[in-house]
N, C-alpha and C. Protein backbone atom coordinates (compact mmCIF):
# COMPACT_ATOMS: atom_id res chain seq x y z
N MET A 1 -53.92 54.72 -84.51
CA MET A 1 -54.40 55.66 -83.53
C MET A 1 -55.28 54.91 -82.54
N GLU A 2 -55.08 55.20 -81.28
CA GLU A 2 -55.88 54.53 -80.26
C GLU A 2 -57.27 55.16 -80.21
N PRO A 3 -58.26 54.41 -79.72
CA PRO A 3 -59.62 54.97 -79.64
C PRO A 3 -59.71 56.07 -78.61
N GLY A 4 -60.71 56.93 -78.79
CA GLY A 4 -60.94 58.03 -77.85
C GLY A 4 -61.31 57.54 -76.47
N ARG A 5 -60.99 58.34 -75.48
CA ARG A 5 -61.31 58.01 -74.10
C ARG A 5 -62.40 58.95 -73.61
N GLY A 6 -63.24 58.47 -72.75
CA GLY A 6 -64.28 59.30 -72.18
C GLY A 6 -63.89 59.77 -70.80
N GLY A 7 -64.30 60.96 -70.49
CA GLY A 7 -64.14 61.49 -69.15
C GLY A 7 -65.52 61.88 -68.68
N VAL A 8 -65.61 62.55 -67.59
CA VAL A 8 -66.90 62.99 -67.10
C VAL A 8 -67.40 64.08 -68.03
N GLY A 9 -68.30 63.72 -68.94
CA GLY A 9 -68.90 64.68 -69.85
C GLY A 9 -68.06 65.06 -71.05
N SER A 10 -66.90 64.43 -71.25
CA SER A 10 -66.02 64.79 -72.36
C SER A 10 -65.49 63.56 -73.06
N ILE A 11 -65.04 63.76 -74.30
CA ILE A 11 -64.34 62.74 -75.06
C ILE A 11 -62.95 63.29 -75.38
N TYR A 12 -61.92 62.49 -75.20
CA TYR A 12 -60.54 62.86 -75.49
C TYR A 12 -60.01 61.93 -76.57
N GLN A 13 -59.33 62.47 -77.59
CA GLN A 13 -58.78 61.65 -78.66
C GLN A 13 -57.34 62.06 -78.93
N PRO A 14 -56.37 61.15 -78.74
CA PRO A 14 -54.99 61.46 -79.08
C PRO A 14 -54.80 61.44 -80.60
N VAL A 15 -54.03 62.41 -81.11
CA VAL A 15 -53.79 62.52 -82.55
C VAL A 15 -52.28 62.65 -82.76
N PRO A 16 -51.65 61.70 -83.46
CA PRO A 16 -50.22 61.83 -83.73
C PRO A 16 -49.97 62.96 -84.72
N VAL A 17 -48.94 63.79 -84.45
CA VAL A 17 -48.65 64.94 -85.32
C VAL A 17 -47.16 65.05 -85.59
N THR A 18 -46.83 65.66 -86.73
CA THR A 18 -45.49 66.11 -87.05
C THR A 18 -45.61 67.58 -87.41
N VAL A 19 -44.79 68.41 -86.79
CA VAL A 19 -44.84 69.85 -87.01
C VAL A 19 -43.51 70.30 -87.61
N ASP A 20 -43.57 70.94 -88.78
CA ASP A 20 -42.39 71.55 -89.40
C ASP A 20 -42.45 73.04 -89.14
N ALA A 21 -41.37 73.61 -88.61
CA ALA A 21 -41.32 75.03 -88.27
C ALA A 21 -40.10 75.67 -88.90
N THR A 22 -40.23 76.94 -89.27
CA THR A 22 -39.11 77.73 -89.77
C THR A 22 -38.98 78.97 -88.90
N LEU A 23 -37.82 79.13 -88.27
CA LEU A 23 -37.56 80.29 -87.42
C LEU A 23 -37.28 81.52 -88.28
N ASP A 24 -37.30 82.70 -87.67
CA ASP A 24 -37.04 83.95 -88.38
C ASP A 24 -35.68 83.95 -89.07
N ASP A 25 -34.69 83.24 -88.50
CA ASP A 25 -33.35 83.21 -89.10
C ASP A 25 -33.22 82.14 -90.20
N GLY A 26 -34.33 81.47 -90.53
CA GLY A 26 -34.34 80.46 -91.58
C GLY A 26 -34.08 79.04 -91.10
N THR A 27 -33.72 78.88 -89.84
CA THR A 27 -33.50 77.55 -89.28
C THR A 27 -34.80 76.75 -89.34
N GLN A 28 -34.69 75.53 -89.85
CA GLN A 28 -35.86 74.66 -89.91
C GLN A 28 -35.80 73.65 -88.77
N GLN A 29 -36.95 73.41 -88.16
CA GLN A 29 -37.04 72.45 -87.07
C GLN A 29 -38.21 71.51 -87.34
N LYS A 30 -38.09 70.29 -86.82
CA LYS A 30 -39.17 69.32 -86.95
C LYS A 30 -39.47 68.75 -85.57
N PHE A 31 -40.75 68.65 -85.27
CA PHE A 31 -41.21 68.11 -83.99
C PHE A 31 -42.19 66.98 -84.26
N ARG A 32 -42.21 66.01 -83.37
CA ARG A 32 -43.16 64.91 -83.46
C ARG A 32 -43.76 64.68 -82.08
N GLY A 33 -45.03 64.31 -82.05
CA GLY A 33 -45.66 64.04 -80.77
C GLY A 33 -47.14 63.79 -80.90
N ILE A 34 -47.85 64.15 -79.85
CA ILE A 34 -49.29 63.89 -79.75
C ILE A 34 -50.02 65.16 -79.34
N TYR A 35 -51.06 65.51 -80.09
CA TYR A 35 -52.05 66.48 -79.63
C TYR A 35 -53.22 65.67 -79.10
N THR A 36 -53.75 66.05 -77.98
CA THR A 36 -54.96 65.42 -77.47
C THR A 36 -56.10 66.41 -77.67
N VAL A 37 -57.05 66.02 -78.51
CA VAL A 37 -58.20 66.88 -78.77
C VAL A 37 -59.34 66.46 -77.86
N ARG A 38 -60.22 67.43 -77.57
CA ARG A 38 -61.28 67.21 -76.59
C ARG A 38 -62.55 67.85 -77.08
N ARG A 39 -63.65 67.23 -76.76
CA ARG A 39 -64.95 67.86 -76.96
C ARG A 39 -65.87 67.42 -75.84
N VAL A 40 -66.82 68.29 -75.53
CA VAL A 40 -67.81 68.00 -74.50
C VAL A 40 -68.92 67.17 -75.13
N ASN A 41 -69.37 66.15 -74.42
CA ASN A 41 -70.53 65.39 -74.87
C ASN A 41 -71.76 66.29 -74.83
N ASP A 42 -72.86 65.82 -75.32
CA ASP A 42 -74.10 66.60 -75.30
C ASP A 42 -74.63 66.72 -73.87
N VAL A 43 -73.95 67.55 -73.11
CA VAL A 43 -74.29 67.77 -71.71
C VAL A 43 -75.23 68.97 -71.64
N ASP A 44 -76.26 68.87 -70.83
CA ASP A 44 -77.17 70.01 -70.66
C ASP A 44 -76.38 71.26 -70.29
N GLY A 45 -76.64 72.34 -71.00
CA GLY A 45 -75.99 73.60 -70.73
C GLY A 45 -74.69 73.82 -71.47
N ALA A 46 -74.23 72.83 -72.25
CA ALA A 46 -72.98 72.98 -73.00
C ALA A 46 -73.21 73.95 -74.15
N SER A 47 -72.27 74.87 -74.34
CA SER A 47 -72.38 75.84 -75.43
C SER A 47 -71.94 75.20 -76.74
N ALA A 48 -72.29 75.83 -77.86
CA ALA A 48 -71.91 75.32 -79.18
C ALA A 48 -70.39 75.21 -79.30
N SER A 49 -69.64 76.17 -78.73
CA SER A 49 -68.18 76.11 -78.84
C SER A 49 -67.60 74.94 -78.04
N GLN A 50 -68.25 74.54 -76.96
CA GLN A 50 -67.77 73.40 -76.17
C GLN A 50 -68.01 72.07 -76.89
N LEU A 51 -68.98 72.05 -77.82
CA LEU A 51 -69.31 70.82 -78.53
C LEU A 51 -68.37 70.57 -79.70
N ARG A 52 -67.53 71.57 -80.06
CA ARG A 52 -66.55 71.39 -81.14
C ARG A 52 -65.26 70.83 -80.57
N TRP A 53 -64.51 70.10 -81.42
CA TRP A 53 -63.21 69.58 -81.02
C TRP A 53 -62.23 70.74 -80.87
N HIS A 54 -61.38 70.69 -79.86
CA HIS A 54 -60.30 71.66 -79.69
C HIS A 54 -59.11 70.95 -79.05
N ILE A 55 -57.94 71.56 -79.19
CA ILE A 55 -56.73 70.96 -78.61
C ILE A 55 -56.76 71.16 -77.11
N GLY A 56 -56.73 70.06 -76.41
CA GLY A 56 -56.73 70.11 -74.95
C GLY A 56 -55.32 70.11 -74.39
N SER A 57 -54.40 69.41 -75.08
CA SER A 57 -53.00 69.38 -74.64
C SER A 57 -52.12 68.96 -75.81
N ALA A 58 -50.82 69.23 -75.68
CA ALA A 58 -49.86 68.87 -76.71
C ALA A 58 -48.58 68.40 -76.02
N ALA A 59 -47.99 67.37 -76.57
CA ALA A 59 -46.70 66.87 -76.09
C ALA A 59 -45.83 66.63 -77.32
N LEU A 60 -44.87 67.54 -77.56
CA LEU A 60 -44.02 67.47 -78.75
C LEU A 60 -42.55 67.33 -78.35
N ASN A 61 -41.81 66.59 -79.17
CA ASN A 61 -40.36 66.47 -79.00
C ASN A 61 -39.68 66.88 -80.30
N GLN A 62 -38.64 67.68 -80.17
CA GLN A 62 -37.88 68.09 -81.36
C GLN A 62 -37.09 66.90 -81.87
N ILE A 63 -37.22 66.64 -83.19
CA ILE A 63 -36.51 65.49 -83.76
C ILE A 63 -35.41 65.92 -84.73
N SER A 64 -35.42 67.20 -85.19
CA SER A 64 -34.33 67.67 -86.04
C SER A 64 -34.30 69.19 -86.08
N SER A 65 -33.12 69.72 -86.44
CA SER A 65 -32.93 71.16 -86.58
C SER A 65 -31.80 71.38 -87.58
N HIS A 66 -32.06 72.20 -88.62
CA HIS A 66 -31.01 72.55 -89.57
C HIS A 66 -31.38 73.77 -90.36
């Protein structure tokens, strides 16, 4: 995993993920990609919820379906 990057007042960390999903019809799918999580640095006026990590973006590609 690469190190986190800083932005103006924020830290961004890419996280490799694999997602297994089952559709209503029973079809199973698998996705692989990157979630980028983000948190605000200790910036004056930042709320408690902004100081927690949250998903800022996701980039997933389907790798199988059956």
